[in-house]
Amino acid sequence: MKAVVTVIGKDMVGILASVSGACAKANANVIEVTQSVLQEFFAMVMVVDISQMNCELCQLQKQLAEANPGMTIHVMHEDIFNSMHRI
């Protein structure tokens, strides 16, 4: 099972480290990452393996938000993501 994590906000040092560290604490393995800085804004999309995760997705999202104040962070199960983007 996988989930998609999106992070958007003002660029600052340590965002990737903070997000990946919170995923590691939850035992969610980062499979793929793409990130970009557009002027002063940071945008990142991660695909994480949640099959061995030690908490619920909503708890992971809460931990990510608490560790990264000011950032907009969403965590979505791959099934929901795929359903939303099916034409």
PDB file of N, CA and C in Angstrom:
ATOM      1  N   MET A   1       0.845  -1.179   0.000  1.00  0.00           N
ATOM      2  CA  MET A   1       0.000   0.000   0.000  1.00  0.00           C
ATOM      3  C   MET A   1       0.888   1.241   0.000  1.00  0.00           C
ATOM      4  N   LYS A   2       0.396   2.250  -0.681  1.00  0.00           N
ATOM      5  CA  LYS A   2       1.142   3.492  -0.775  1.00  0.00           C
ATOM      6  C   LYS A   2       0.247   4.675  -0.437  1.00  0.00           C
ATOM      7  N   ALA A   3       0.900   5.800  -0.168  1.00  0.00           N
ATOM      8  CA  ALA A   3       0.196   7.059   0.042  1.00  0.00           C
ATOM      9  C   ALA A   3       0.971   8.156  -0.672  1.00  0.00           C
ATOM     10  N   VAL A   4       0.273   9.225  -0.992  1.00  0.00           N
ATOM     11  CA  VAL A   4       0.878  10.396  -1.612  1.00  0.00           C
ATOM     12  C   VAL A   4       0.892  11.514  -0.574  1.00  0.00           C
ATOM     13  N   VAL A   5       2.066  12.103  -0.366  1.00  0.00           N
ATOM     14  CA  VAL A   5       2.239  13.210   0.571  1.00  0.00           C
ATOM     15  C   VAL A   5       2.587  14.450  -0.244  1.00  0.00           C
ATOM     16  N   THR A   6       1.827  15.530  -0.053  1.00  0.00           N
ATOM     17  CA  THR A   6       2.147  16.794  -0.719  1.00  0.00           C
ATOM     18  C   THR A   6       2.473  17.843   0.336  1.00  0.00           C
ATOM     19  N   VAL A   7       3.467  18.669   0.015  1.00  0.00           N
ATOM     20  CA  VAL A   7       3.920  19.720   0.930  1.00  0.00           C
ATOM     21  C   VAL A   7       4.102  20.995   0.118  1.00  0.00           C
ATOM     22  N   ILE A   8       3.458  22.079   0.553  1.00  0.00           N
ATOM     23  CA  ILE A   8       3.566  23.366  -0.140  1.00  0.00           C
ATOM     24  C   ILE A   8       3.685  24.465   0.905  1.00  0.00           C
ATOM     25  N   GLY A   9       4.585  25.408   0.644  1.00  0.00           N
ATOM     26  CA  GLY A   9       4.717  26.533   1.558  1.00  0.00           C
ATOM     27  C   GLY A   9       5.940  27.363   1.251  1.00  0.00           C
ATOM     28  N   LYS A  10       6.235  28.286   2.132  1.00  0.00           N
ATOM     29  CA  LYS A  10       7.390  29.158   1.978  1.00  0.00           C
ATOM     30  C   LYS A  10       8.658  28.327   2.173  1.00  0.00           C
ATOM     31  N   ASP A  11       9.627  28.504   1.285  1.00  0.00           N
ATOM     32  CA  ASP A  11      10.854  27.727   1.345  1.00  0.00           C
ATOM     33  C   ASP A  11      11.663  28.070   2.585  1.00  0.00           C
ATOM     34  N   MET A  12      12.228  27.040   3.207  1.00  0.00           N
ATOM     35  CA  MET A  12      13.128  27.221   4.351  1.00  0.00           C
ATOM     36  C   MET A  12      14.023  25.993   4.445  1.00  0.00           C
ATOM     37  N   VAL A  13      15.084  26.099   5.174  1.00  0.00           N
ATOM     38  CA  VAL A  13      16.028  25.004   5.344  1.00  0.00           C
ATOM     39  C   VAL A  13      15.386  23.871   6.141  1.00  0.00           C
ATOM     40  N   GLY A  14      15.573  22.629   5.686  1.00  0.00           N
ATOM     41  CA  GLY A  14      15.202  21.459   6.467  1.00  0.00           C
ATOM     42  C   GLY A  14      13.838  20.861   6.230  1.00  0.00           C
ATOM     43  N   ILE A  15      13.093  21.345   5.244  1.00  0.00           N
ATOM     44  CA  ILE A  15      11.740  20.803   5.024  1.00  0.00           C
ATOM     45  C   ILE A  15      11.806  19.327   4.655  1.00  0.00           C
ATOM     46  N   LEU A  16      12.620  18.982   3.678  1.00  0.00           N
ATOM     47  CA  LEU A  16      12.726  17.583   3.249  1.00  0.00           C
ATOM     48  C   LEU A  16      13.172  16.696   4.406  1.00  0.00           C
ATOM     49  N   ALA A  17      14.151  17.150   5.180  1.00  0.00           N
ATOM     50  CA  ALA A  17      14.636  16.368   6.322  1.00  0.00           C
ATOM     51  C   ALA A  17      13.537  16.172   7.358  1.00  0.00           C
ATOM     52  N   SER A  18      12.774  17.208   7.631  1.00  0.00           N
ATOM     53  CA  SER A  18      11.709  17.135   8.622  1.00  0.00           C
ATOM     54  C   SER A  18      10.611  16.177   8.189  1.00  0.00           C
ATOM     55  N   VAL A  19      10.185  16.282   6.930  1.00  0.00           N
ATOM     56  CA  VAL A  19       9.105  15.422   6.426  1.00  0.00           C
ATOM     57  C   VAL A  19       9.563  13.968   6.350  1.00  0.00           C
ATOM     58  N   SER A  20      10.741  13.732   5.803  1.00  0.00           N
ATOM     59  CA  SER A  20      11.216  12.350   5.694  1.00  0.00           C
ATOM     60  C   SER A  20      11.500  11.760   7.078  1.00  0.00           C
ATOM     61  N   GLY A  21      11.946  12.585   8.028  1.00  0.00           N
ATOM     62  CA  GLY A  21      12.162  12.112   9.396  1.00  0.00           C
ATOM     63  C   GLY A  21      10.876  11.687  10.071  1.00  0.00           C
ATOM     64  N   ALA A  22       9.808  12.468   9.876  1.00  0.00           N
ATOM     65  CA  ALA A  22       8.502  12.105  10.439  1.00  0.00           C
ATOM     66  C   ALA A  22       7.980  10.823   9.794  1.00  0.00           C
ATOM     67  N   CYS A  23       8.213  10.660   8.503  1.00  0.00           N
ATOM     68  CA  CYS A  23       7.809   9.417   7.825  1.00  0.00           C
ATOM     69  C   CYS A  23       8.586   8.237   8.399  1.00  0.00           C
ATOM     70  N   ALA A  24       9.869   8.416   8.637  1.00  0.00           N
ATOM     71  CA  ALA A  24      10.693   7.345   9.202  1.00  0.00           C
ATOM     72  C   ALA A  24      10.198   6.946  10.596  1.00  0.00           C
ATOM     73  N   LYS A  25       9.833   7.941  11.423  1.00  0.00           N
ATOM     74  CA  LYS A  25       9.299   7.637  12.760  1.00  0.00           C
ATOM     75  C   LYS A  25       8.032   6.803  12.680  1.00  0.00           C
ATOM     76  N   ALA A  26       7.232   7.057  11.647  1.00  0.00           N
ATOM     77  CA  ALA A  26       5.983   6.322  11.459  1.00  0.00           C
ATOM     78  C   ALA A  26       6.194   5.016  10.706  1.00  0.00           C
ATOM     79  N   ASN A  27       7.448   4.724  10.352  1.00  0.00           N
ATOM     80  CA  ASN A  27       7.810   3.533   9.581  1.00  0.00           C
ATOM     81  C   ASN A  27       7.169   3.535   8.187  1.00  0.00           C
ATOM     82  N   ALA A  28       7.013   4.728   7.628  1.00  0.00           N
ATOM     83  CA  ALA A  28       6.517   4.886   6.254  1.00  0.00           C
ATOM     84  C   ALA A  28       7.741   5.110   5.372  1.00  0.00           C
ATOM     85  N   ASN A  29       8.016   4.181   4.477  1.00  0.00           N
ATOM     86  CA  ASN A  29       9.216   4.220   3.653  1.00  0.00           C
ATOM     87  C   ASN A  29       9.025   5.143   2.444  1.00  0.00           C
ATOM     88  N   VAL A  30       9.893   6.114   2.296  1.00  0.00           N
ATOM     89  CA  VAL A  30       9.827   7.033   1.161  1.00  0.00           C
ATOM     90  C   VAL A  30      10.325   6.299  -0.082  1.00  0.00           C
ATOM     91  N   ILE A  31       9.456   6.211  -1.095  1.00  0.00           N
ATOM     92  CA  ILE A  31       9.787   5.511  -2.330  1.00  0.00           C
ATOM     93  C   ILE A  31      10.273   6.482  -3.401  1.00  0.00           C
ATOM     94  N   GLU A  32       9.581   7.604  -3.499  1.00  0.00           N
ATOM     95  CA  GLU A  32       9.881   8.556  -4.565  1.00  0.00           C
ATOM     96  C   GLU A  32       9.618   9.971  -4.072  1.00  0.00           C
ATOM     97  N   VAL A  33      10.457  10.913  -4.500  1.00  0.00           N
ATOM     98  CA  VAL A  33      10.308  12.309  -4.103  1.00  0.00           C
ATOM     99  C   VAL A  33      10.566  13.197  -5.310  1.00  0.00           C
ATOM    100  N   THR A  34       9.739  14.209  -5.457  1.00  0.00           N
ATOM    101  CA  THR A  34      10.027  15.281  -6.399  1.00  0.00           C
ATOM    102  C   THR A  34       9.774  16.579  -5.653  1.00  0.00           C
ATOM    103  N   GLN A  35      10.693  17.510  -5.811  1.00  0.00           N
ATOM    104  CA  GLN A  35      10.532  18.794  -5.132  1.00  0.00           C
ATOM    105  C   GLN A  35      11.002  19.902  -6.049  1.00  0.00           C
ATOM    106  N   SER A  36      10.482  21.083  -5.775  1.00  0.00           N
ATOM    107  CA  SER A  36      10.828  22.232  -6.584  1.00  0.00           C
ATOM    108  C   SER A  36      10.706  23.489  -5.740  1.00  0.00           C
ATOM    109  N   VAL A  37      11.566  24.435  -6.008  1.00  0.00           N
ATOM    110  CA  VAL A  37      11.471  25.744  -5.374  1.00  0.00           C
ATOM    111  C   VAL A  37      11.155  26.736  -6.483  1.00  0.00           C
ATOM    112  N   LEU A  38      10.027  27.415  -6.349  1.00  0.00           N
ATOM    113  CA  LEU A  38       9.570  28.393  -7.330  1.00  0.00           C
ATOM    114  C   LEU A  38       9.575  29.753  -6.644  1.00  0.00           C
ATOM    115  N   GLN A  39      10.558  30.569  -6.994  1.00  0.00           N
ATOM    116  CA  GLN A  39      10.826  31.825  -6.293  1.00  0.00           C
ATOM    117  C   GLN A  39      11.019  31.514  -4.818  1.00  0.00           C
ATOM    118  N   GLU A  40      10.146  31.975  -3.939  1.00  0.00           N
ATOM    119  CA  GLU A  40      10.319  31.682  -2.513  1.00  0.00           C
ATOM    120  C   GLU A  40       9.413  30.556  -2.021  1.00  0.00           C
ATOM    121  N   PHE A  41       8.760  29.848  -2.934  1.00  0.00           N
ATOM    122  CA  PHE A  41       7.818  28.799  -2.551  1.00  0.00           C
ATOM    123  C   PHE A  41       8.402  27.410  -2.789  1.00  0.00           C
ATOM    124  N   PHE A  42       8.118  26.512  -1.849  1.00  0.00           N
ATOM    125  CA  PHE A  42       8.589  25.131  -1.887  1.00  0.00           C
ATOM    126  C   PHE A  42       7.399  24.231  -2.205  1.00  0.00           C
ATOM    127  N   ALA A  43       7.588  23.276  -3.108  1.00  0.00           N
ATOM    128  CA  ALA A  43       6.543  22.304  -3.437  1.00  0.00           C
ATOM    129  C   ALA A  43       7.185  20.916  -3.511  1.00  0.00           C
ATOM    130  N   MET A  44       6.545  19.932  -2.879  1.00  0.00           N
ATOM    131  CA  MET A  44       7.087  18.576  -2.881  1.00  0.00           C
ATOM    132  C   MET A  44       5.952  17.565  -2.938  1.00  0.00           C
ATOM    133  N   VAL A  45       6.198  16.492  -3.682  1.00  0.00           N
ATOM    134  CA  VAL A  45       5.288  15.352  -3.724  1.00  0.00           C
ATOM    135  C   VAL A  45       6.121  14.120  -3.409  1.00  0.00           C
ATOM    136  N   MET A  46       5.643  13.332  -2.458  1.00  0.00           N
ATOM    137  CA  MET A  46       6.318  12.085  -2.081  1.00  0.00           C
ATOM    138  C   MET A  46       5.351  10.923  -2.240  1.00  0.00           C
ATOM    139  N   VAL A  47       5.884   9.785  -2.641  1.00  0.00           N
ATOM    140  CA  VAL A  47       5.135   8.537  -2.603  1.00  0.00           C
ATOM    141  C   VAL A  47       5.788   7.712  -1.506  1.00  0.00           C
ATOM    142  N   VAL A  48       4.987   7.269  -0.548  1.00  0.00           N
ATOM    143  CA  VAL A  48       5.514   6.500   0.579  1.00  0.00           C
ATOM    144  C   VAL A  48       4.812   5.151   0.682  1.00  0.00           C
ATOM    145  N   ASP A  49       5.574   4.138   1.063  1.00  0.00           N
ATOM    146  CA  ASP A  49       5.029   2.807   1.310  1.00  0.00           C
ATOM    147  C   ASP A  49       4.513   2.798   2.745  1.00  0.00           C
ATOM    148  N   ILE A  50       3.226   2.548   2.904  1.00  0.00           N
ATOM    149  CA  ILE A  50       2.606   2.582   4.237  1.00  0.00           C
ATOM    150  C   ILE A  50       2.237   1.190   4.743  1.00  0.00           C
ATOM    151  N   SER A  51       2.687   0.153   4.047  1.00  0.00           N
ATOM    152  CA  SER A  51       2.287  -1.208   4.419  1.00  0.00           C
ATOM    153  C   SER A  51       2.810  -1.623   5.798  1.00  0.00           C
ATOM    154  N   GLN A  52       3.907  -1.025   6.264  1.00  0.00           N
ATOM    155  CA  GLN A  52       4.470  -1.360   7.574  1.00  0.00           C
ATOM    156  C   GLN A  52       4.341  -0.206   8.565  1.00  0.00           C
ATOM    157  N   MET A  53       3.492   0.776   8.247  1.00  0.00           N
ATOM    158  CA  MET A  53       3.390   1.967   9.072  1.00  0.00           C
ATOM    159  C   MET A  53       2.823   1.629  10.458  1.00  0.00           C
ATOM    160  N   ASN A  54       3.303   2.352  11.481  1.00  0.00           N
ATOM    161  CA  ASN A  54       2.908   2.065  12.859  1.00  0.00           C
ATOM    162  C   ASN A  54       1.867   3.047  13.408  1.00  0.00           C
ATOM    163  N   CYS A  55       1.203   3.792  12.513  1.00  0.00           N
ATOM    164  CA  CYS A  55       0.129   4.692  12.928  1.00  0.00           C
ATOM    165  C   CYS A  55      -0.852   4.850  11.764  1.00  0.00           C
ATOM    166  N   GLU A  56      -1.938   5.544  12.008  1.00  0.00           N
ATOM    167  CA  GLU A  56      -2.932   5.800  10.961  1.00  0.00           C
ATOM    168  C   GLU A  56      -2.474   6.971  10.081  1.00  0.00           C
ATOM    169  N   LEU A  57      -3.018   7.059   8.867  1.00  0.00           N
ATOM    170  CA  LEU A  57      -2.658   8.159   7.958  1.00  0.00           C
ATOM    171  C   LEU A  57      -2.962   9.522   8.569  1.00  0.00           C
ATOM    172  N   CYS A  58      -4.090   9.641   9.258  1.00  0.00           N
ATOM    173  CA  CYS A  58      -4.442  10.927   9.860  1.00  0.00           C
ATOM    174  C   CYS A  58      -3.438  11.320  10.936  1.00  0.00           C
ATOM    175  N   GLN A  59      -2.885  10.351  11.643  1.00  0.00           N
ATOM    176  CA  GLN A  59      -1.866  10.642  12.655  1.00  0.00           C
ATOM    177  C   GLN A  59      -0.564  11.095  11.982  1.00  0.00           C
ATOM    178  N   LEU A  60      -0.215  10.462  10.869  1.00  0.00           N
ATOM    179  CA  LEU A  60       0.980  10.870  10.132  1.00  0.00           C
ATOM    180  C   LEU A  60       0.827  12.304   9.649  1.00  0.00           C
ATOM    181  N   GLN A  61      -0.328  12.634   9.087  1.00  0.00           N
ATOM    182  CA  GLN A  61      -0.552  13.994   8.605  1.00  0.00           C
ATOM    183  C   GLN A  61      -0.443  14.995   9.759  1.00  0.00           C
ATOM    184  N   LYS A  62      -0.987  14.653  10.918  1.00  0.00           N
ATOM    185  CA  LYS A  62      -0.905  15.538  12.081  1.00  0.00           C
ATOM    186  C   LYS A  62       0.546  15.738  12.516  1.00  0.00           C
ATOM    187  N   GLN A  63       1.321  14.664  12.552  1.00  0.00           N
ATOM    188  CA  GLN A  63       2.731  14.748  12.932  1.00  0.00           C
ATOM    189  C   GLN A  63       3.511  15.599  11.934  1.00  0.00           C
ATOM    190  N   LEU A  64       3.226  15.427  10.647  1.00  0.00           N
ATOM    191  CA  LEU A  64       3.906  16.217   9.613  1.00  0.00           C
ATOM    192  C   LEU A  64       3.572  17.698   9.758  1.00  0.00           C
ATOM    193  N   ALA A  65       2.304  18.005   9.991  1.00  0.00           N
ATOM    194  CA  ALA A  65       1.880  19.396  10.146  1.00  0.00           C
ATOM    195  C   ALA A  65       2.505  20.035  11.379  1.00  0.00           C
ATOM    196  N   GLU A  66       2.555  19.300  12.480  1.00  0.00           N
ATOM    197  CA  GLU A  66       3.139  19.829  13.712  1.00  0.00           C
ATOM    198  C   GLU A  66       4.637  20.079  13.557  1.00  0.00           C
ATOM    199  N   ALA A  67       5.311  19.229  12.788  1.00  0.00           N
ATOM    200  CA  ALA A  67       6.755  19.371  12.595  1.00  0.00           C
ATOM    201  C   ALA A  67       7.109  20.450  11.573  1.00  0.00           C
ATOM    202  N   ASN A  68       6.120  20.894  10.802  1.00  0.00           N
ATOM    203  CA  ASN A  68       6.363  21.857   9.726  1.00  0.00           C
ATOM    204  C   ASN A  68       5.308  22.960   9.749  1.00  0.00           C
ATOM    205  N   PRO A  69       5.302  23.796  10.789  1.00  0.00           N
ATOM    206  CA  PRO A  69       4.287  24.853  10.868  1.00  0.00           C
ATOM    207  C   PRO A  69       4.395  25.812   9.692  1.00  0.00           C
ATOM    208  N   GLY A  70       3.243  26.250   9.219  1.00  0.00           N
ATOM    209  CA  GLY A  70       3.211  27.174   8.088  1.00  0.00           C
ATOM    210  C   GLY A  70       3.164  26.494   6.736  1.00  0.00           C
ATOM    211  N   MET A  71       3.361  25.182   6.703  1.00  0.00           N
ATOM    212  CA  MET A  71       3.310  24.433   5.449  1.00  0.00           C
ATOM    213  C   MET A  71       1.918  23.796   5.303  1.00  0.00           C
ATOM    214  N   THR A  72       1.460  23.672   4.072  1.00  0.00           N
ATOM    215  CA  THR A  72       0.222  22.944   3.796  1.00  0.00           C
ATOM    216  C   THR A  72       0.622  21.526   3.416  1.00  0.00           C
ATOM    217  N   ILE A  73       0.185  20.558   4.216  1.00  0.00           N
ATOM    218  CA  ILE A  73       0.589  19.163   4.015  1.00  0.00           C
ATOM    219  C   ILE A  73      -0.658  18.281   3.940  1.00  0.00           C
ATOM    220  N   HIS A  74      -0.685  17.434   2.915  1.00  0.00           N
ATOM    221  CA  HIS A  74      -1.782  16.481   2.751  1.00  0.00           C
ATOM    222  C   HIS A  74      -1.198  15.087   2.597  1.00  0.00           C
ATOM    223  N   VAL A  75      -1.865  14.107   3.193  1.00  0.00           N
ATOM    224  CA  VAL A  75      -1.496  12.701   3.049  1.00  0.00           C
ATOM    225  C   VAL A  75      -2.733  11.978   2.542  1.00  0.00           C
ATOM    226  N   MET A  76      -2.592  11.293   1.406  1.00  0.00           N
ATOM    227  CA  MET A  76      -3.742  10.642   0.796  1.00  0.00           C
ATOM    228  C   MET A  76      -3.391   9.209   0.395  1.00  0.00           C
ATOM    229  N   HIS A  77      -4.228   8.264   0.806  1.00  0.00           N
ATOM    230  CA  HIS A  77      -4.039   6.861   0.414  1.00  0.00           C
ATOM    231  C   HIS A  77      -4.094   6.752  -1.100  1.00  0.00           C
ATOM    232  N   GLU A  78      -3.292   5.871  -1.668  1.00  0.00           N
ATOM    233  CA  GLU A  78      -3.223   5.733  -3.124  1.00  0.00           C
ATOM    234  C   GLU A  78      -4.579   5.390  -3.747  1.00  0.00           C
ATOM    235  N   ASP A  79      -5.418   4.622  -3.056  1.00  0.00           N
ATOM    236  CA  ASP A  79      -6.727   4.270  -3.608  1.00  0.00           C
ATOM    237  C   ASP A  79      -7.605   5.509  -3.797  1.00  0.00           C
ATOM    238  N   ILE A  80      -7.582   6.406  -2.825  1.00  0.00           N
ATOM    239  CA  ILE A  80      -8.356   7.639  -2.938  1.00  0.00           C
ATOM    240  C   ILE A  80      -7.767   8.538  -4.016  1.00  0.00           C
ATOM    241  N   PHE A  81      -6.442   8.643  -4.023  1.00  0.00           N
ATOM    242  CA  PHE A  81      -5.765   9.451  -5.044  1.00  0.00           C
ATOM    243  C   PHE A  81      -6.120   8.956  -6.440  1.00  0.00           C
ATOM    244  N   ASN A  82      -6.029   7.657  -6.655  1.00  0.00           N
ATOM    245  CA  ASN A  82      -6.341   7.077  -7.978  1.00  0.00           C
ATOM    246  C   ASN A  82      -7.799   7.290  -8.344  1.00  0.00           C
ATOM    247  N   SER A  83      -8.705   7.139  -7.389  1.00  0.00           N
ATOM    248  CA  SER A  83     -10.141   7.344  -7.663  1.00  0.00           C
ATOM    249  C   SER A  83     -10.443   8.787  -8.041  1.00  0.00           C
ATOM    250  N   MET A  84      -9.776   9.721  -7.374  1.00  0.00           N
ATOM    251  CA  MET A  84     -10.018  11.135  -7.651  1.00  0.00           C
ATOM    252  C   MET A  84      -9.501  11.547  -9.028  1.00  0.00           C
ATOM    253  N   HIS A  85      -8.480  10.838  -9.530  1.00  0.00           N
ATOM    254  CA  HIS A  85      -7.849  11.251 -10.776  1.00  0.00           C
ATOM    255  C   HIS A  85      -8.193  10.317 -11.956  1.00  0.00           C
ATOM    256  N   ARG A  86      -9.213   9.508 -11.774  1.00  0.00           N
ATOM    257  CA  ARG A  86      -9.658   8.626 -12.840  1.00  0.00           C
ATOM    258  C   ARG A  86     -10.677   9.372 -13.680  1.00  0.00           C
ATOM    259  N   ILE A  87     -10.544   9.295 -14.975  1.00  0.00           N
ATOM    260  CA  ILE A  87     -11.477  10.002 -15.873  1.00  0.00           C
ATOM    261  C   ILE A  87     -12.518   9.041 -16.381  1.00  0.00           C
TER     262      ILE A  87
END
